[in-house]
């Protein structure tokens, strides 16, 4: 009986304590000032289009009254909407800490292709959207060059580039897609200096499968440089031309 009474008293004290605690936290929050901004670029080991210091400066320039201001006045959604307009940023998340800091997490856009078209150069990201170059970082990605302006659309090229990027072997081996004057395509390998003539992008998975068979079963690596061109455009055959 005594133990039961003690338990009841304990629960009464706990229940009475919580409103006091919440009231204290509420008052503390209402007086909490912003003491700093912490930015983490979560994929910084893969790319460096933006860095923590740069984003912190951008935020403080846009919101000059942030530091020292009341944390309750910080509009995290507004800051996220502002940052997502940056052409290098794919997504961002912000939140306030109980210590008064604004934490920001940034994920960068991932370039798939670097396009050289006339006097212009830009990236195409993993979703097929264009993105500009950045002075502080150059991404090591597949290059698209040649008569790019002769193409009606980049849709097929982007699909092919995704195929290359998603395959470990081809991502390591193919360095460049070149658009011929007639709108067909050639490939430049990283290993060897032969021209790989693809023709159109029609049935490219089969053409690349045949090329893989040539690399792995047909030619010894020492023989690669004996050939100046590899032609994949004809169905069911590969034509290799010696130097």
Protein backbone atom coordinates (compact mmCIF):
# COMPACT_ATOMS: atom_id res chain seq x y z
CA UNK A 1 0.00 0.00 0.00
CA UNK A 2 2.82 2.38 0.93
CA UNK A 3 4.63 1.59 -2.32
CA UNK A 4 1.45 2.27 -4.28
CA UNK A 5 1.03 5.66 -2.58
CA UNK A 6 4.67 6.51 -3.33
CA UNK A 7 4.15 5.66 -7.01
CA UNK A 8 1.06 7.86 -7.16
CA UNK A 9 2.93 10.76 -5.54
CA UNK A 10 5.83 10.26 -7.98
CA UNK A 11 3.52 10.40 -11.00
CA UNK A 12 1.78 13.50 -9.63
CA UNK A 13 5.16 15.23 -9.26
CA UNK A 14 6.23 14.18 -12.78
CA UNK A 15 2.96 15.36 -14.33
CA UNK A 16 3.20 18.65 -12.47
CA UNK A 17 6.84 19.07 -13.52
CA UNK A 18 6.28 18.81 -17.28
CA UNK A 19 4.28 22.03 -17.73
CA UNK A 20 6.96 23.88 -15.77
CA UNK A 21 9.67 22.36 -17.95
CA UNK A 22 7.84 23.20 -21.18
CA UNK A 23 7.20 26.72 -19.98
CA UNK A 24 10.89 27.14 -19.18
CA UNK A 25 11.90 25.83 -22.63
CA UNK A 26 9.34 28.12 -24.26
CA UNK A 27 10.66 31.17 -22.44
CA UNK A 28 14.24 30.16 -23.23
CA UNK A 29 13.43 29.78 -26.92
CA UNK A 30 11.67 33.12 -27.04
CA UNK A 31 14.86 34.78 -25.80
CA UNK A 32 17.33 32.65 -27.80
CA UNK A 33 19.47 34.61 -30.27
CA UNK A 34 21.15 33.20 -33.37
CA UNK A 35 24.80 32.62 -32.50
CA UNK A 36 26.07 31.25 -35.82
CA UNK A 37 25.49 29.46 -39.09
CA UNK A 38 26.82 25.94 -39.72
CA UNK A 39 26.81 24.69 -43.32
CA UNK A 40 27.55 21.11 -44.37
CA UNK A 41 27.93 20.20 -48.04
CA UNK A 42 27.08 16.53 -47.70
CA UNK A 43 28.63 15.39 -51.01
CA UNK A 44 31.74 17.56 -50.90
CA UNK A 45 34.04 14.57 -51.47
CA UNK A 46 32.45 14.02 -54.91
CA UNK A 47 32.21 17.63 -56.10
CA UNK A 48 33.18 21.12 -54.99
CA UNK A 49 30.93 23.52 -56.88
CA UNK A 50 30.12 25.18 -53.54
CA UNK A 51 31.70 25.02 -50.09
CA UNK A 52 30.58 25.71 -46.53
CA UNK A 53 32.20 29.14 -46.24
CA UNK A 54 30.75 30.30 -49.54
CA UNK A 55 27.20 29.30 -48.60
CA UNK A 56 27.53 30.87 -45.14
CA UNK A 57 28.59 34.15 -46.76
CA UNK A 58 25.68 33.99 -49.21
CA UNK A 59 23.21 33.45 -46.36
CA UNK A 60 24.59 36.25 -44.19
CA UNK A 61 24.65 38.65 -47.14
CA UNK A 62 21.01 37.86 -47.92
CA UNK A 63 19.96 37.95 -44.25
CA UNK A 64 22.25 40.58 -42.59
CA UNK A 65 20.22 40.61 -39.36
CA UNK A 66 20.40 36.86 -38.86
CA UNK A 67 23.28 36.77 -36.37
CA UNK A 68 22.24 38.19 -33.03
CA UNK A 69 18.59 38.15 -33.99
CA UNK A 70 15.94 36.08 -32.28
CA UNK A 71 15.92 32.49 -33.56
CA UNK A 72 12.11 32.56 -33.61
CA UNK A 73 12.30 35.08 -36.43
CA UNK A 74 14.37 32.75 -38.65
CA UNK A 75 12.25 31.47 -41.51
CA UNK A 76 13.90 28.17 -42.50
CA UNK A 77 11.59 27.62 -45.46
CA UNK A 78 12.44 31.03 -46.85
CA UNK A 79 16.17 30.32 -46.55
CA UNK A 80 15.73 26.95 -48.28
CA UNK A 81 13.75 28.57 -51.10
CA UNK A 82 16.51 31.15 -51.52
CA UNK A 83 19.37 28.61 -51.55
CA UNK A 84 17.68 26.19 -53.95
CA UNK A 85 17.85 28.91 -56.62
CA UNK A 86 21.65 28.55 -56.67
CA UNK A 87 22.58 26.80 -59.91
CA UNK A 88 24.90 24.33 -58.18
CA UNK A 89 22.46 23.25 -55.45
CA UNK A 90 20.18 20.24 -55.85
CA UNK A 91 18.56 20.27 -52.41
CA UNK A 92 18.94 21.88 -49.01
CA UNK A 93 17.58 21.50 -45.50
CA UNK A 94 17.77 24.00 -42.64
CA UNK A 95 16.82 23.89 -38.98
CA UNK A 96 17.49 25.80 -35.75
CA UNK A 97 19.24 24.18 -32.79
CA UNK A 98 18.44 24.70 -29.13
CA UNK A 99 21.87 26.35 -28.78
CA UNK A 100 20.85 29.05 -31.23
CA UNK A 101 22.68 27.93 -34.37
CA UNK A 102 21.24 27.67 -37.85
CA UNK A 103 22.24 24.36 -39.42
CA UNK A 104 22.21 24.04 -43.20
CA UNK A 105 22.69 20.84 -45.20
CA UNK A 106 23.44 21.18 -48.93
CA UNK A 107 23.44 18.57 -51.71
CA UNK A 108 24.97 19.61 -55.02
CA UNK A 109 23.71 18.92 -58.53
CA UNK A 110 25.50 16.05 -60.27
CA UNK A 111 26.81 16.79 -63.78
CA UNK A 112 26.49 14.01 -66.34
CA UNK A 113 28.01 15.65 -69.43
CA UNK A 114 30.18 18.62 -70.25
CA UNK A 115 29.06 20.09 -73.57
CA UNK A 116 31.33 22.05 -75.90
CA UNK A 117 29.13 23.72 -78.51
CA UNK A 118 30.73 26.45 -80.59
CA UNK A 119 32.13 29.02 -78.17
CA UNK A 120 29.87 27.82 -75.33
CA UNK A 121 30.54 25.22 -72.69
CA UNK A 122 28.17 24.01 -70.00
CA UNK A 123 27.13 20.91 -68.07
CA UNK A 124 24.08 18.68 -68.41
CA UNK A 125 23.09 17.27 -65.03
CA UNK A 126 21.79 13.78 -64.20
CA UNK A 127 18.21 14.92 -64.89
CA UNK A 128 19.01 16.33 -68.32
CA UNK A 129 18.97 19.97 -67.20
CA UNK A 130 21.72 22.41 -68.18
CA UNK A 131 23.96 23.95 -65.53
CA UNK A 132 26.77 26.49 -65.92
CA UNK A 133 30.48 26.06 -65.35
CA UNK A 134 31.97 27.22 -62.04
CA UNK A 135 35.38 28.83 -61.62
CA UNK A 136 36.30 26.98 -58.45
CA UNK A 137 35.73 23.44 -59.67
CA UNK A 138 35.74 21.44 -62.91
CA UNK A 139 33.88 18.13 -62.89
CA UNK A 140 35.59 15.14 -64.50
CA UNK A 141 32.70 13.86 -66.61
CA UNK A 142 31.96 12.59 -70.09
CA UNK A 143 32.52 15.25 -72.79
CA UNK A 144 30.17 15.98 -75.69
CA UNK A 145 31.79 17.94 -78.52
CA UNK A 146 31.85 18.31 -82.28
CA UNK A 147 28.88 19.48 -84.36
CA UNK A 148 26.52 19.62 -81.38
CA UNK A 149 24.47 22.40 -82.98
CA UNK A 150 23.53 20.01 -85.80
CA UNK A 151 21.47 17.91 -83.38
CA UNK A 152 17.74 18.58 -83.14
CA UNK A 153 17.70 17.38 -79.54
CA UNK A 154 20.07 16.12 -76.86
CA UNK A 155 17.53 13.62 -75.49
CA UNK A 156 19.13 10.54 -77.10
CA UNK A 157 22.62 11.71 -76.19
CA UNK A 158 21.63 12.21 -72.55
CA UNK A 159 20.13 8.71 -72.45
CA UNK A 160 23.33 7.29 -73.94
CA UNK A 161 25.47 9.30 -71.49
CA UNK A 162 23.44 7.88 -68.60
CA UNK A 163 24.10 4.39 -69.96
CA UNK A 164 27.85 5.12 -70.03
CA UNK A 165 27.83 6.73 -66.57
CA UNK A 166 25.93 3.84 -64.95
CA UNK A 167 28.28 1.18 -66.30
CA UNK A 168 31.53 0.81 -64.36
CA UNK A 169 33.55 -0.37 -67.35
CA UNK A 170 32.32 2.25 -69.84
CA UNK A 171 32.46 5.06 -67.31
CA UNK A 172 36.16 4.32 -66.88
CA UNK A 173 36.86 3.72 -70.58
CA UNK A 174 34.86 6.25 -72.63
CA UNK A 175 36.09 9.83 -72.37
CA UNK A 176 34.25 11.70 -75.12
CA UNK A 177 31.24 11.57 -77.43
CA UNK A 178 31.90 13.38 -80.70
CA UNK A 179 29.08 14.55 -82.99
CA UNK A 180 30.01 14.10 -86.65
CA UNK A 181 28.91 16.63 -89.27
CA UNK A 182 26.17 14.25 -90.44
CA UNK A 183 24.76 13.99 -86.91
CA UNK A 184 26.18 10.55 -86.18
CA UNK A 185 28.56 9.75 -83.33
CA UNK A 186 32.10 8.67 -82.56
CA UNK A 187 33.62 7.80 -79.20
CA UNK A 188 37.08 8.58 -77.82
CA UNK A 189 38.45 6.04 -75.30
CA UNK A 190 40.67 6.80 -72.32
CA UNK A 191 42.86 3.77 -73.09
CA UNK A 192 44.02 3.62 -76.71
CA UNK A 193 43.75 6.39 -79.29
CA UNK A 194 41.56 4.79 -81.93
CA UNK A 195 38.38 6.40 -83.23
CA UNK A 196 35.30 4.33 -82.32
CA UNK A 197 32.63 5.03 -84.92
CA UNK A 198 29.18 4.38 -83.49
CA UNK A 199 27.02 5.71 -86.32
CA UNK A 200 23.54 6.55 -85.05
CA UNK A 201 22.54 5.90 -81.44
CA UNK A 202 19.98 3.35 -82.57
CA UNK A 203 20.58 -0.02 -80.85
CA UNK A 204 23.50 1.43 -78.91
CA UNK A 205 23.27 -1.24 -76.14
CA UNK A 206 23.97 -3.94 -78.74
CA UNK A 207 26.80 -1.93 -80.30
CA UNK A 208 28.40 -1.37 -76.91
CA UNK A 209 27.94 -5.05 -76.03
CA UNK A 210 29.82 -5.96 -79.21
CA UNK A 211 32.56 -3.47 -78.37
CA UNK A 212 32.85 -4.94 -74.87
CA UNK A 213 33.27 -8.40 -76.38
CA UNK A 214 36.03 -7.04 -78.64
CA UNK A 215 37.83 -5.48 -75.67
CA UNK A 216 37.53 -8.50 -73.39
CA UNK A 217 37.67 -11.46 -75.79
CA UNK A 218 38.88 -10.21 -79.16
CA UNK A 219 41.88 -7.96 -78.70
CA UNK A 220 44.74 -8.21 -76.26
CA UNK A 221 45.39 -4.80 -74.60
CA UNK A 222 48.77 -4.68 -76.36
CA UNK A 223 46.94 -4.80 -79.70
CA UNK A 224 44.62 -1.86 -79.12
CA UNK A 225 47.03 0.71 -80.50
CA UNK A 226 47.54 -1.33 -83.67
CA UNK A 227 44.15 -0.09 -84.88
CA UNK A 228 43.24 3.45 -85.85
CA UNK A 229 39.48 2.91 -85.99
CA UNK A 230 36.73 0.60 -84.81
CA UNK A 231 33.42 0.77 -86.71
CA UNK A 232 30.29 -0.42 -84.90
CA UNK A 233 27.62 1.01 -87.17
CA UNK A 234 26.83 -2.18 -89.10
CA UNK A 235 24.55 -4.72 -87.50
CA UNK A 236 26.22 -7.93 -86.37
CA UNK A 237 29.78 -6.94 -87.22
CA UNK A 238 32.74 -4.87 -86.08
CA UNK A 239 35.18 -3.47 -88.63
CA UNK A 240 38.66 -2.71 -87.30
CA UNK A 241 41.10 -0.73 -89.46
CA UNK A 242 44.83 -1.09 -88.82
CA UNK A 243 47.21 1.84 -88.89
